C-alpha atoms as a PDB file:
ATOM      1  CA  MET A   1      -9.832 -13.601   1.782  1.00  0.00           C
ATOM      2  CA  GLY A   2      -6.542 -12.009   0.888  1.00  0.00           C
ATOM      3  CA  PHE A   3      -3.166 -13.519   1.812  1.00  0.00           C
ATOM      4  CA  ARG A   4      -2.294 -10.379   3.813  1.00  0.00           C
ATOM      5  CA  VAL A   5      -5.314 -11.007   6.061  1.00  0.00           C
ATOM      6  CA  ILE A   6      -4.064 -14.551   6.763  1.00  0.00           C
ATOM      7  CA  LYS A   7      -0.560 -13.234   7.579  1.00  0.00           C
ATOM      8  CA  THR A   8      -2.046 -10.604   9.872  1.00  0.00           C
ATOM      9  CA  ALA A   9      -4.056 -13.207  11.776  1.00  0.00           C
ATOM     10  CA  ILE A  10      -0.969 -15.414  12.204  1.00  0.00           C
ATOM     11  CA  ALA A  11       1.255 -12.491  13.330  1.00  0.00           C
ATOM     12  CA  THR A  12      -1.429 -11.291  15.806  1.00  0.00           C
ATOM     13  CA  VAL A  13      -1.882 -14.691  17.419  1.00  0.00           C
ATOM     14  CA  LEU A  14       1.866 -15.246  17.514  1.00  0.00           C
ATOM     15  CA  ALA A  15       2.502 -11.895  19.271  1.00  0.00           C
ATOM     16  CA  ILE A  16      -0.181 -12.567  21.897  1.00  0.00           C
ATOM     17  CA  ILE A  17       1.091 -16.077  22.580  1.00  0.00           C
ATOM     18  CA  ILE A  18       4.720 -14.926  22.946  1.00  0.00           C
ATOM     19  CA  SER A  19       3.759 -12.018  25.175  1.00  0.00           C
ATOM     20  CA  ASP A  20       1.624 -14.267  27.383  1.00  0.00           C
ATOM     21  CA  ALA A  21       4.330 -16.913  27.569  1.00  0.00           C
ATOM     22  CA  LEU A  22       6.955 -14.366  28.637  1.00  0.00           C
ATOM     23  CA  GLY A  23       4.566 -12.873  31.168  1.00  0.00           C
ATOM     24  CA  VAL A  24       4.585  -9.427  29.563  1.00  0.00           C
ATOM     25  CA  GLU A  25       1.632  -7.334  30.752  1.00  0.00           C
ATOM     26  CA  GLY A  26      -0.720  -6.263  27.964  1.00  0.00           C
ATOM     27  CA  ALA A  27      -0.405  -9.177  25.548  1.00  0.00           C
ATOM     28  CA  ILE A  28      -3.410  -7.941  23.553  1.00  0.00           C
ATOM     29  CA  SER A  29      -1.543  -4.721  22.781  1.00  0.00           C
ATOM     30  CA  ALA A  30       1.240  -6.809  21.259  1.00  0.00           C
ATOM     31  CA  GLY A  31      -1.352  -8.328  18.934  1.00  0.00           C
ATOM     32  CA  LEU A  32      -2.542  -4.854  17.948  1.00  0.00           C
ATOM     33  CA  LEU A  33       1.017  -3.772  17.196  1.00  0.00           C
ATOM     34  CA  ALA A  34       1.478  -6.924  15.088  1.00  0.00           C
ATOM     35  CA  ILE A  35      -1.593  -5.952  13.017  1.00  0.00           C
ATOM     36  CA  LEU A  36       0.004  -2.541  12.358  1.00  0.00           C
ATOM     37  CA  GLY A  37       3.301  -4.152  11.390  1.00  0.00           C
ATOM     38  CA  VAL A  38       2.180  -6.545   8.631  1.00  0.00           C
ATOM     39  CA  ASP A  39       3.016  -5.253   5.157  1.00  0.00           C
ATOM     40  CA  VAL A  40       2.837  -6.311   1.490  1.00  0.00           C
ATOM     41  CA  THR A  41       6.543  -6.929   0.726  1.00  0.00           C
ATOM     42  CA  ARG A  42       9.689  -7.968   2.618  1.00  0.00           C
ATOM     43  CA  LYS A  43      11.677  -4.778   1.968  1.00  0.00           C
ATOM     44  CA  ARG A  44       8.737  -2.554   2.773  1.00  0.00           C
ATOM     45  CA  SER A  45       8.110  -4.604   5.949  1.00  0.00           C
ATOM     46  CA  ILE A  46      11.653  -3.951   7.136  1.00  0.00           C
ATOM     47  CA  ARG A  47      11.354  -0.241   6.419  1.00  0.00           C
ATOM     48  CA  THR A  48       7.947   0.230   8.033  1.00  0.00           C
ATOM     49  CA  VAL A  49       8.630  -1.910  11.087  1.00  0.00           C
ATOM     50  CA  SER A  50      11.860   0.005  11.688  1.00  0.00           C
ATOM     51  CA  SER A  51      10.038   3.284  11.212  1.00  0.00           C
ATOM     52  CA  ARG A  52       7.243   2.289  13.586  1.00  0.00           C
ATOM     53  CA  PHE A  53       9.620   1.015  16.262  1.00  0.00           C
ATOM     54  CA  PHE A  54      11.821   4.180  16.349  1.00  0.00           C
ATOM     55  CA  ALA A  55       8.768   6.446  16.110  1.00  0.00           C
ATOM     56  CA  SER A  56       7.245   4.656  19.089  1.00  0.00           C
ATOM     57  CA  ILE A  57      10.422   4.996  21.127  1.00  0.00           C
ATOM     58  CA  LEU A  58      10.675   8.713  20.288  1.00  0.00           C
ATOM     59  CA  GLY A  59       6.997   9.267  20.980  1.00  0.00           C
ATOM     60  CA  LEU A  60       7.196   7.338  24.245  1.00  0.00           C
ATOM     61  CA  ILE A  61      10.079   9.527  25.476  1.00  0.00           C
ATOM     62  CA  MET A  62       8.248  12.738  24.604  1.00  0.00           C
ATOM     63  CA  ALA A  63       5.033  11.485  26.235  1.00  0.00           C
ATOM     64  CA  ILE A  64       6.767  10.510  29.455  1.00  0.00           C
ATOM     65  CA  ILE A  65       8.377  13.942  29.706  1.00  0.00           C
ATOM     66  CA  LEU A  66       5.004  15.625  29.184  1.00  0.00           C
ATOM     67  CA  PHE A  67       3.168  13.365  31.642  1.00  0.00           C
ATOM     68  CA  TYR A  68       5.874  13.917  34.236  1.00  0.00           C
ATOM     69  CA  LEU A  69       5.790  17.681  33.903  1.00  0.00           C
ATOM     70  CA  LEU A  70       2.060  18.264  33.248  1.00  0.00           C
ATOM     71  CA  GLY A  71       0.368  15.165  34.685  1.00  0.00           C
ATOM     72  CA  PHE A  72      -2.114  12.696  33.288  1.00  0.00           C
ATOM     73  CA  HIS A  73      -4.812  15.002  31.905  1.00  0.00           C
ATOM     74  CA  ILE A  74      -6.827  14.675  28.700  1.00  0.00           C
ATOM     75  CA  TRP A  75      -5.536  18.006  27.424  1.00  0.00           C
ATOM     76  CA  VAL A  76      -1.944  16.768  27.805  1.00  0.00           C
ATOM     77  CA  LEU A  77      -2.720  14.198  25.071  1.00  0.00           C
ATOM     78  CA  ALA A  78      -3.661  17.114  22.779  1.00  0.00           C
ATOM     79  CA  VAL A  79      -0.334  18.800  23.599  1.00  0.00           C
ATOM     80  CA  TYR A  80       1.470  15.544  22.856  1.00  0.00           C
ATOM     81  CA  ILE A  81      -0.236  15.224  19.450  1.00  0.00           C
ATOM     82  CA  LEU A  82       0.524  18.859  18.541  1.00  0.00           C
ATOM     83  CA  ILE A  83       4.226  18.396  19.395  1.00  0.00           C
ATOM     84  CA  ALA A  84       4.932  14.757  18.536  1.00  0.00           C
ATOM     85  CA  PHE A  85       3.110  14.302  15.231  1.00  0.00           C
ATOM     86  CA  PRO A  86       4.912  17.123  13.370  1.00  0.00           C
ATOM     87  CA  LEU A  87       8.262  16.018  14.828  1.00  0.00           C
ATOM     88  CA  LEU A  88       7.741  12.375  13.792  1.00  0.00           C
ATOM     89  CA  SER A  89       6.777  13.463  10.313  1.00  0.00           C
ATOM     90  CA  ARG A  90       9.840  15.643  10.037  1.00  0.00           C
ATOM     91  CA  ALA A  91      12.038  12.781  11.240  1.00  0.00           C
ATOM     92  CA  ASN A  92      10.621  10.583   8.393  1.00  0.00           C
ATOM     93  CA  PHE A  93       8.781   8.397  10.904  1.00  0.00           C
ATOM     94  CA  LYS A  94       5.326   9.302   9.583  1.00  0.00           C
ATOM     95  CA  GLU A  95       4.385   5.620   9.173  1.00  0.00           C
ATOM     96  CA  GLY A  96       4.976   5.110  12.921  1.00  0.00           C
ATOM     97  CA  ILE A  97       2.594   7.772  14.206  1.00  0.00           C
ATOM     98  CA  VAL A  98      -0.300   5.352  14.800  1.00  0.00           C
ATOM     99  CA  THR A  99       1.956   2.743  16.430  1.00  0.00           C
ATOM    100  CA  SER A 100       3.517   5.341  18.730  1.00  0.00           C
ATOM    101  CA  SER A 101       0.010   6.557  19.652  1.00  0.00           C
ATOM    102  CA  VAL A 102      -0.966   3.023  20.751  1.00  0.00           C
ATOM    103  CA  VAL A 103       2.053   2.899  23.102  1.00  0.00           C
ATOM    104  CA  VAL A 104       1.537   6.425  24.472  1.00  0.00           C
ATOM    105  CA  PHE A 105      -2.195   5.882  25.156  1.00  0.00           C
ATOM    106  CA  ARG A 106      -1.338   2.684  27.076  1.00  0.00           C
ATOM    107  CA  VAL A 107       0.995   4.700  29.306  1.00  0.00           C
ATOM    108  CA  PHE A 108      -1.681   7.362  29.731  1.00  0.00           C
ATOM    109  CA  GLY A 109      -4.262   4.720  30.661  1.00  0.00           C
ATOM    110  CA  GLY A 110      -2.007   3.318  33.352  1.00  0.00           C
ATOM    111  CA  GLU A 111      -1.241   6.765  34.824  1.00  0.00           C
ATOM    112  CA  VAL A 112       2.122   5.527  36.114  1.00  0.00           C
ATOM    113  CA  ILE A 113       5.642   6.508  35.070  1.00  0.00           C
ATOM    114  CA  SER A 114       8.330   4.031  35.986  1.00  0.00           C
ATOM    115  CA  LEU A 115      11.198   2.048  34.494  1.00  0.00           C
ATOM    116  CA  LYS A 116       8.952  -1.039  34.503  1.00  0.00           C
ATOM    117  CA  VAL A 117       6.291   0.737  32.451  1.00  0.00           C
ATOM    118  CA  LEU A 118       8.898   1.906  29.942  1.00  0.00           C
ATOM    119  CA  THR A 119      10.423  -1.595  29.727  1.00  0.00           C
ATOM    120  CA  THR A 120       6.982  -3.206  29.237  1.00  0.00           C
ATOM    121  CA  GLN A 121       6.133  -0.932  26.332  1.00  0.00           C
ATOM    122  CA  ILE A 122       9.446  -1.650  24.603  1.00  0.00           C
ATOM    123  CA  GLU A 123       8.905  -5.401  25.088  1.00  0.00           C
ATOM    124  CA  LEU A 124       5.458  -5.183  23.532  1.00  0.00           C
ATOM    125  CA  LEU A 125       6.876  -3.233  20.585  1.00  0.00           C
ATOM    126  CA  LEU A 126       9.602  -5.805  20.033  1.00  0.00           C
ATOM    127  CA  ILE A 127       7.207  -8.738  20.277  1.00  0.00           C
ATOM    128  CA  GLY A 128       4.383  -7.193  18.250  1.00  0.00           C
ATOM    129  CA  LEU A 129       6.403  -5.671  15.450  1.00  0.00           C
ATOM    130  CA  GLY A 130       8.902  -8.514  15.572  1.00  0.00           C
ATOM    131  CA  SER A 131       6.132 -11.083  15.065  1.00  0.00           C
ATOM    132  CA  ALA A 132       4.827  -9.146  12.063  1.00  0.00           C
ATOM    133  CA  MET A 133       8.325  -8.951  10.545  1.00  0.00           C
ATOM    134  CA  ILE A 134       8.969 -12.644  11.087  1.00  0.00           C
ATOM    135  CA  VAL A 135       5.725 -13.581   9.320  1.00  0.00           C
ATOM    136  CA  ASN A 136       6.523 -11.168   6.481  1.00  0.00           C
ATOM    137  CA  LEU A 137      10.063 -12.466   6.023  1.00  0.00           C
ATOM    138  CA  LEU A 138       9.171 -16.148   6.214  1.00  0.00           C
ATOM    139  CA  TYR A 139       6.804 -16.207   3.288  1.00  0.00           C
ATOM    140  CA  MET A 140       5.569 -13.940   0.558  1.00  0.00           C
ATOM    141  CA  PRO A 141       3.465 -15.115  -2.391  1.00  0.00           C
ATOM    142  CA  LYS A 142       5.594 -15.530  -5.524  1.00  0.00           C
ATOM    143  CA  GLU A 143       4.790 -13.279  -8.432  1.00  0.00           C
ATOM    144  CA  GLU A 144       6.545 -15.468 -11.048  1.00  0.00           C
ATOM    145  CA  ASP A 145       3.489 -17.458 -12.222  1.00  0.00           C
ATOM    146  CA  LYS A 146       1.349 -14.359 -12.387  1.00  0.00           C
ATOM    147  CA  LEU A 147       4.000 -12.474 -14.329  1.00  0.00           C
ATOM    148  CA  LEU A 148       4.380 -15.323 -16.806  1.00  0.00           C
ATOM    149  CA  LYS A 149       0.643 -15.395 -17.473  1.00  0.00           C
ATOM    150  CA  ILE A 150       0.586 -11.626 -17.992  1.00  0.00           C
ATOM    151  CA  ARG A 151       3.543 -11.880 -20.352  1.00  0.00           C
ATOM    152  CA  TYR A 152       1.829 -14.534 -22.515  1.00  0.00           C
ATOM    153  CA  LYS A 153      -1.276 -12.391 -22.697  1.00  0.00           C
ATOM    154  CA  VAL A 154       0.694  -9.267 -23.620  1.00  0.00           C
ATOM    155  CA  ASP A 155       2.709 -11.118 -26.300  1.00  0.00           C
ATOM    156  CA  GLY A 156      -0.553 -12.589 -27.718  1.00  0.00           C
ATOM    157  CA  LEU A 157      -2.130  -9.114 -27.825  1.00  0.00           C
ATOM    158  CA  PHE A 158       0.911  -7.713 -29.580  1.00  0.00           C
ATOM    159  CA  SER A 159       0.663 -10.469 -32.151  1.00  0.00           C
ATOM    160  CA  ILE A 160      -2.999  -9.626 -32.829  1.00  0.00           C
ATOM    161  CA  ILE A 161      -2.148  -5.914 -33.118  1.00  0.00           C
ATOM    162  CA  PHE A 162       0.508  -6.582 -35.736  1.00  0.00           C
ATOM    163  CA  ARG A 163      -1.853  -8.797 -37.749  1.00  0.00           C
ATOM    164  CA  HIS A 164      -4.383  -5.930 -37.762  1.00  0.00           C
ATOM    165  CA  ILE A 165      -1.659  -3.539 -38.894  1.00  0.00           C
ATOM    166  CA  ALA A 166      -0.751  -5.882 -41.753  1.00  0.00           C
ATOM    167  CA  ALA A 167      -4.408  -6.132 -42.750  1.00  0.00           C
ATOM    168  CA  SER A 168      -4.750  -2.335 -42.706  1.00  0.00           C
ATOM    169  CA  LEU A 169      -1.736  -1.951 -44.989  1.00  0.00           C
ATOM    170  CA  ARG A 170      -3.203  -4.442 -47.457  1.00  0.00           C
ATOM    171  CA  ASP A 171      -6.664  -2.934 -47.251  1.00  0.00           C
ATOM    172  CA  PRO A 172      -6.972   0.694 -46.081  1.00  0.00           C
ATOM    173  CA  GLU A 173     -10.681   0.066 -45.509  1.00  0.00           C
ATOM    174  CA  HIS A 174      -9.915  -2.586 -42.857  1.00  0.00           C
ATOM    175  CA  LEU A 175     -11.831  -1.803 -39.667  1.00  0.00           C
ATOM    176  CA  TRP A 176     -10.276  -2.324 -36.219  1.00  0.00           C
ATOM    177  CA  ASP A 177     -11.453  -0.889 -32.910  1.00  0.00           C
ATOM    178  CA  GLY A 178      -8.003  -1.068 -31.252  1.00  0.00           C
ATOM    179  CA  LYS A 179      -9.269  -2.764 -28.090  1.00  0.00           C
ATOM    180  CA  GLU A 180      -6.209  -5.019 -27.968  1.00  0.00           C
ATOM    181  CA  LEU A 181      -3.966  -1.926 -27.726  1.00  0.00           C
ATOM    182  CA  ILE A 182      -5.919  -0.680 -24.691  1.00  0.00           C
ATOM    183  CA  GLU A 183      -5.938  -4.095 -23.062  1.00  0.00           C
ATOM    184  CA  ALA A 184      -2.211  -4.522 -23.624  1.00  0.00           C
ATOM    185  CA  GLY A 185      -1.578  -1.155 -21.954  1.00  0.00           C
ATOM    186  CA  LYS A 186      -3.534  -2.203 -18.863  1.00  0.00           C
ATOM    187  CA  LEU A 187      -1.725  -5.548 -18.694  1.00  0.00           C
ATOM    188  CA  VAL A 188       1.685  -3.922 -19.043  1.00  0.00           C
ATOM    189  CA  ASP A 189       0.900  -1.564 -16.139  1.00  0.00           C
ATOM    190  CA  GLU A 190      -0.360  -4.509 -14.089  1.00  0.00           C
ATOM    191  CA  GLY A 191       2.777  -6.442 -14.923  1.00  0.00           C
ATOM    192  CA  LEU A 192       5.028  -3.546 -13.913  1.00  0.00           C
ATOM    193  CA  ALA A 193       3.196  -3.247 -10.565  1.00  0.00           C
ATOM    194  CA  SER A 194       3.509  -7.026  -9.964  1.00  0.00           C
ATOM    195  CA  ALA A 195       7.181  -7.027 -10.975  1.00  0.00           C
ATOM    196  CA  ASN A 196       7.927  -4.196  -8.561  1.00  0.00           C
ATOM    197  CA  ARG A 197       6.237  -6.170  -5.731  1.00  0.00           C
ATOM    198  CA  GLY A 198       8.320  -9.210  -6.646  1.00  0.00           C
ATOM    199  CA  LEU A 199      11.499  -7.104  -6.610  1.00  0.00           C
ATOM    200  CA  GLU A 200      10.594  -5.739  -3.201  1.00  0.00           C
ATOM    201  CA  ASN A 201      10.409  -9.330  -1.862  1.00  0.00           C
ATOM    202  CA  GLN A 202      13.952 -10.192  -3.055  1.00  0.00           C
ATOM    203  CA  LEU A 203      16.358  -9.255  -0.288  1.00  0.00           C
ATOM    204  CA  ILE A 204      19.413 -10.964  -1.844  1.00  0.00           C
ATOM    205  CA  SER A 205      20.512 -10.678  -5.486  1.00  0.00           C
ATOM    206  CA  PRO A 206      17.339  -9.054  -6.804  1.00  0.00           C
ATOM    207  CA  ASN A 207      16.416  -9.974 -10.384  1.00  0.00           C
ATOM    208  CA  GLU A 208      15.087  -7.037 -12.416  1.00  0.00           C
ATOM    209  CA  ALA A 209      14.348  -9.124 -15.571  1.00  0.00           C
ATOM    210  CA  TRP A 210      10.566  -8.764 -15.302  1.00  0.00           C
ATOM    211  CA  ASN A 211      10.781  -5.023 -14.656  1.00  0.00           C
ATOM    212  CA  VAL A 212      12.962  -4.660 -17.789  1.00  0.00           C
ATOM    213  CA  TYR A 213      10.575  -6.765 -19.849  1.00  0.00           C
ATOM    214  CA  PHE A 214       7.427  -4.785 -18.979  1.00  0.00           C
ATOM    215  CA  TYR A 215       9.250  -1.496 -19.309  1.00  0.00           C
ATOM    216  CA  MET A 216      10.321  -2.654 -22.784  1.00  0.00           C
ATOM    217  CA  ARG A 217       6.707  -3.453 -23.692  1.00  0.00           C
ATOM    218  CA  LYS A 218       5.617  -0.031 -22.426  1.00  0.00           C
ATOM    219  CA  GLN A 219       8.179   1.643 -24.694  1.00  0.00           C
ATOM    220  CA  GLN A 220       7.045  -0.495 -27.605  1.00  0.00           C
ATOM    221  CA  LEU A 221       3.370   0.458 -27.043  1.00  0.00           C
ATOM    222  CA  ASP A 222       4.423   4.087 -27.490  1.00  0.00           C
ATOM    223  CA  ARG A 223       6.098   3.119 -30.771  1.00  0.00           C
ATOM    224  CA  ILE A 224       2.998   1.222 -31.916  1.00  0.00           C
ATOM    225  CA  GLU A 225       0.804   4.278 -31.283  1.00  0.00           C
ATOM    226  CA  GLY A 226       3.194   6.280 -33.488  1.00  0.00           C
ATOM    227  CA  MET A 227       2.965   3.600 -36.186  1.00  0.00           C
ATOM    228  CA  LEU A 228      -0.809   3.694 -36.124  1.00  0.00           C
ATOM    229  CA  GLU A 229      -0.762   7.433 -36.772  1.00  0.00           C
ATOM    230  CA  MET A 230       1.346   6.812 -39.874  1.00  0.00           C
ATOM    231  CA  ILE A 231      -0.843   3.931 -41.045  1.00  0.00           C
ATOM    232  CA  SER A 232      -3.904   6.217 -40.831  1.00  0.00           C
ATOM    233  CA  LEU A 233      -2.187   8.370 -43.483  1.00  0.00           C
ATOM    234  CA  VAL A 234      -1.848   5.443 -45.912  1.00  0.00           C
ATOM    235  CA  TYR A 235      -5.267   5.896 -47.547  1.00  0.00           C
ATOM    236  CA  GLU A 236      -4.543   3.931 -50.711  1.00  0.00           C
ATOM    237  CA  ARG A 237      -3.205   0.471 -51.456  1.00  0.00           C
ATOM    238  CA  ILE A 238       0.203   0.404 -53.146  1.00  0.00           C
ATOM    239  CA  PRO A 239       2.764  -2.386 -53.752  1.00  0.00           C
ATOM    240  CA  GLN A 240       5.139  -1.085 -51.116  1.00  0.00           C
ATOM    241  CA  GLY A 241       2.347  -1.433 -48.568  1.00  0.00           C
ATOM    242  CA  GLU A 242       2.220  -5.155 -49.258  1.00  0.00           C
ATOM    243  CA  ALA A 243       5.965  -5.455 -48.519  1.00  0.00           C
ATOM    244  CA  VAL A 244       5.618  -3.627 -45.187  1.00  0.00           C
ATOM    245  CA  ALA A 245       2.545  -5.714 -44.312  1.00  0.00           C
ATOM    246  CA  THR A 246       4.665  -8.844 -44.748  1.00  0.00           C
ATOM    247  CA  LEU A 247       7.047  -7.443 -42.158  1.00  0.00           C
ATOM    248  CA  PHE A 248       4.304  -7.052 -39.592  1.00  0.00           C
ATOM    249  CA  GLU A 249       2.983 -10.562 -40.342  1.00  0.00           C
ATOM    250  CA  GLN A 250       6.444 -11.966 -39.584  1.00  0.00           C
ATOM    251  CA  LEU A 251       6.606  -9.789 -36.455  1.00  0.00           C
ATOM    252  CA  SER A 252       3.257 -11.147 -35.275  1.00  0.00           C
ATOM    253  CA  VAL A 253       4.986 -14.554 -35.081  1.00  0.00           C
ATOM    254  CA  ASP A 254       8.333 -13.329 -33.720  1.00  0.00           C
ATOM    255  CA  VAL A 255       6.803 -11.361 -30.863  1.00  0.00           C
ATOM    256  CA  THR A 256       5.534 -14.515 -29.243  1.00  0.00           C
ATOM    257  CA  GLN A 257       8.996 -16.145 -29.273  1.00  0.00           C
ATOM    258  CA  GLU A 258      11.006 -16.180 -26.071  1.00  0.00           C
ATOM    259  CA  PHE A 259      14.294 -15.194 -27.730  1.00  0.00           C
ATOM    260  CA  TYR A 260      15.096 -12.731 -30.505  1.00  0.00           C
ATOM    261  CA  SER A 261      15.214 -14.505 -33.920  1.00  0.00           C
ATOM    262  CA  GLY A 262      16.266 -11.526 -36.035  1.00  0.00           C
ATOM    263  CA  GLN A 263      14.066 -12.586 -38.994  1.00  0.00           C
ATOM    264  CA  THR A 264      11.929  -9.429 -39.011  1.00  0.00           C
ATOM    265  CA  GLU A 265      15.025  -7.270 -38.539  1.00  0.00           C
ATOM    266  CA  GLU A 266      16.707  -8.878 -41.582  1.00  0.00           C
ATOM    267  CA  MET A 267      13.530  -8.484 -43.680  1.00  0.00           C
ATOM    268  CA  GLN A 268      13.271  -4.839 -42.638  1.00  0.00           C
ATOM    269  CA  ARG A 269      16.870  -4.200 -43.590  1.00  0.00           C
ATOM    270  CA  GLN A 270      16.322  -5.738 -47.028  1.00  0.00           C
ATOM    271  CA  LEU A 271      13.182  -3.650 -47.506  1.00  0.00           C
ATOM    272  CA  ASP A 272      15.108  -0.460 -46.670  1.00  0.00           C
ATOM    273  CA  LEU A 273      17.579  -1.332 -49.440  1.00  0.00           C
ATOM    274  CA  GLU A 274      14.723  -1.986 -51.852  1.00  0.00           C
ATOM    275  CA  PHE A 275      13.192   1.429 -51.002  1.00  0.00           C
ATOM    276  CA  LYS A 276      16.515   3.052 -51.915  1.00  0.00           C
ATOM    277  CA  GLU A 277      16.652   1.260 -55.293  1.00  0.00           C
ATOM    278  CA  MET A 278      13.026   1.997 -56.285  1.00  0.00           C
ATOM    279  CA  LYS A 279      12.254   4.466 -59.053  1.00  0.00           C
ATOM    280  CA  LEU A 280      11.093   7.885 -57.957  1.00  0.00           C
ATOM    281  CA  PRO A 281       7.337   8.295 -57.463  1.00  0.00           C
ATOM    282  CA  SER A 282       5.402   9.489 -60.501  1.00  0.00           C
ATOM    283  CA  SER A 283       2.941  11.672 -58.507  1.00  0.00           C
ATOM    284  CA  ARG A 284       2.731  13.680 -55.345  1.00  0.00           C
ATOM    285  CA  GLU A 285       0.162  11.239 -53.882  1.00  0.00           C
ATOM    286  CA  GLU A 286       2.478   8.251 -54.482  1.00  0.00           C
ATOM    287  CA  PHE A 287       5.380  10.204 -52.997  1.00  0.00           C
ATOM    288  CA  GLU A 288       3.437  10.899 -49.802  1.00  0.00           C
ATOM    289  CA  LEU A 289       2.209   7.334 -49.485  1.00  0.00           C
ATOM    290  CA  ARG A 290       5.685   5.860 -49.972  1.00  0.00           C
ATOM    291  CA  ALA A 291       7.183   8.405 -47.546  1.00  0.00           C
ATOM    292  CA  HIS A 292       4.699   7.319 -44.845  1.00  0.00           C
ATOM    293  CA  LEU A 293       5.499   3.650 -45.500  1.00  0.00           C
ATOM    294  CA  LEU A 294       9.256   4.338 -45.328  1.00  0.00           C
ATOM    295  CA  GLN A 295       8.828   6.138 -42.070  1.00  0.00           C
ATOM    296  CA  LEU A 296       6.672   3.296 -40.789  1.00  0.00           C
ATOM    297  CA  SER A 297       9.484   0.878 -41.704  1.00  0.00           C
ATOM    298  CA  ARG A 298      11.954   3.051 -39.767  1.00  0.00           C
ATOM    299  CA  GLU A 299       9.661   3.130 -36.739  1.00  0.00           C
ATOM    300  CA  LEU A 300       9.531  -0.671 -36.900  1.00  0.00           C
ATOM    301  CA  ALA A 301      13.333  -0.716 -36.862  1.00  0.00           C
ATOM    302  CA  TYR A 302      13.310   1.244 -33.589  1.00  0.00           C
ATOM    303  CA  PHE A 303      10.696  -1.164 -32.210  1.00  0.00           C
ATOM    304  CA  LEU A 304      12.910  -4.149 -33.081  1.00  0.00           C
ATOM    305  CA  GLU A 305      15.955  -2.532 -31.508  1.00  0.00           C
ATOM    306  CA  ILE A 306      14.126  -2.271 -28.209  1.00  0.00           C
ATOM    307  CA  ALA A 307      13.120  -5.944 -28.400  1.00  0.00           C
ATOM    308  CA  LYS A 308      16.638  -7.035 -29.440  1.00  0.00           C
ATOM    309  CA  LYS A 309      18.252  -5.453 -26.386  1.00  0.00           C
ATOM    310  CA  ASP A 310      15.881  -7.122 -23.965  1.00  0.00           C
ATOM    311  CA  LYS A 311      15.629 -10.589 -25.573  1.00  0.00           C
ATOM    312  CA  SER A 312      19.346 -10.843 -26.268  1.00  0.00           C
ATOM    313  CA  ARG A 313      20.047  -9.973 -22.644  1.00  0.00           C
ATOM    314  CA  ARG A 314      17.626 -12.628 -21.424  1.00  0.00           C
ATOM    315  CA  ALA A 315      19.148 -15.237 -23.779  1.00  0.00           C
ATOM    316  CA  ALA A 316      22.599 -14.453 -22.318  1.00  0.00           C
ATOM    317  CA  GLN A 317      21.221 -14.843 -18.783  1.00  0.00           C
ATOM    318  CA  THR A 318      19.667 -18.235 -19.626  1.00  0.00           C
ATOM    319  CA  SER A 319      22.924 -19.387 -21.230  1.00  0.00           C
ATOM    320  CA  SER A 320      24.919 -18.380 -18.142  1.00  0.00           C
ATOM    321  CA  VAL A 321      22.526 -20.260 -15.877  1.00  0.00           C
ATOM    322  CA  ALA A 322      22.809 -23.337 -18.050  1.00  0.00           C
ATOM    323  CA  ASP A 323      26.616 -23.223 -17.969  1.00  0.00           C
ATOM    324  CA  VAL A 324      26.541 -22.998 -14.174  1.00  0.00           C
ATOM    325  CA  GLU A 325      24.177 -25.978 -13.920  1.00  0.00           C
ATOM    326  CA  GLU A 326      26.394 -28.065 -16.276  1.00  0.00           C
ATOM    327  CA  SER A 327      29.539 -27.261 -14.376  1.00  0.00           C
END
């Protein structure tokens, strides 16, 4: 049973109880409107409830005019649908079409047009949709724990990927099916979706840290795919390959750390200097292999730059929070 189902049940019962206690006719309809009003996030709930309420008011006004002029006939409902639905869509109230239809069909079923009927429908809308919004705003499941678990899994997969890259550089015959790369991609997409839901539930001072983190990992996955293409061109073991492999081994450790250590970056910078000081290749084959390794080292530098921006920012945020707590 999903949490949204539980919220829907609570909102429905709440709407019926309130309507019955206030003596509003058609309490069951308030429950139905509450079902239509429950949504997955706080911000989306506010948007959809507002859209449904104003769509219902607009639809109710159009329906009353049609019923007054043409009478309560089945074909008049068809006329209402042909006129109201396109207008509601054009007014950006598309989400409220079903809710407005519930209200209009109630008026049609009563076959009476009066101020009391209009007031009753508005009361049911306020109680039904209001109950749904209250339930949505009071509690939404936190995404933090889920996001943290996904992050640890992604970091662990990145570590495994880098160890395989190091092994491939040391031994071009090393076999790897790349399943960790695929799994990491799926987890990053899942993390982005979960982070977006969490952001939608933060009405005051939204924190985009998780969105930034998973977007960073998505960028880095693109970099890794480029690295793998270069590694596939390194078909022979050479000394420079061992040096680059050491970089990836260090990175396999650094990637699981919460904050940026800079060790791999420093090692990569030193290796770039060593590449510049090396003697020129003695053959075309060696030239090509060393060129691929140099380009791989440069790609790694871009990868580290992405990580540095994110982790340094998060370190600064943590430091600021600590200073506030101490003061």
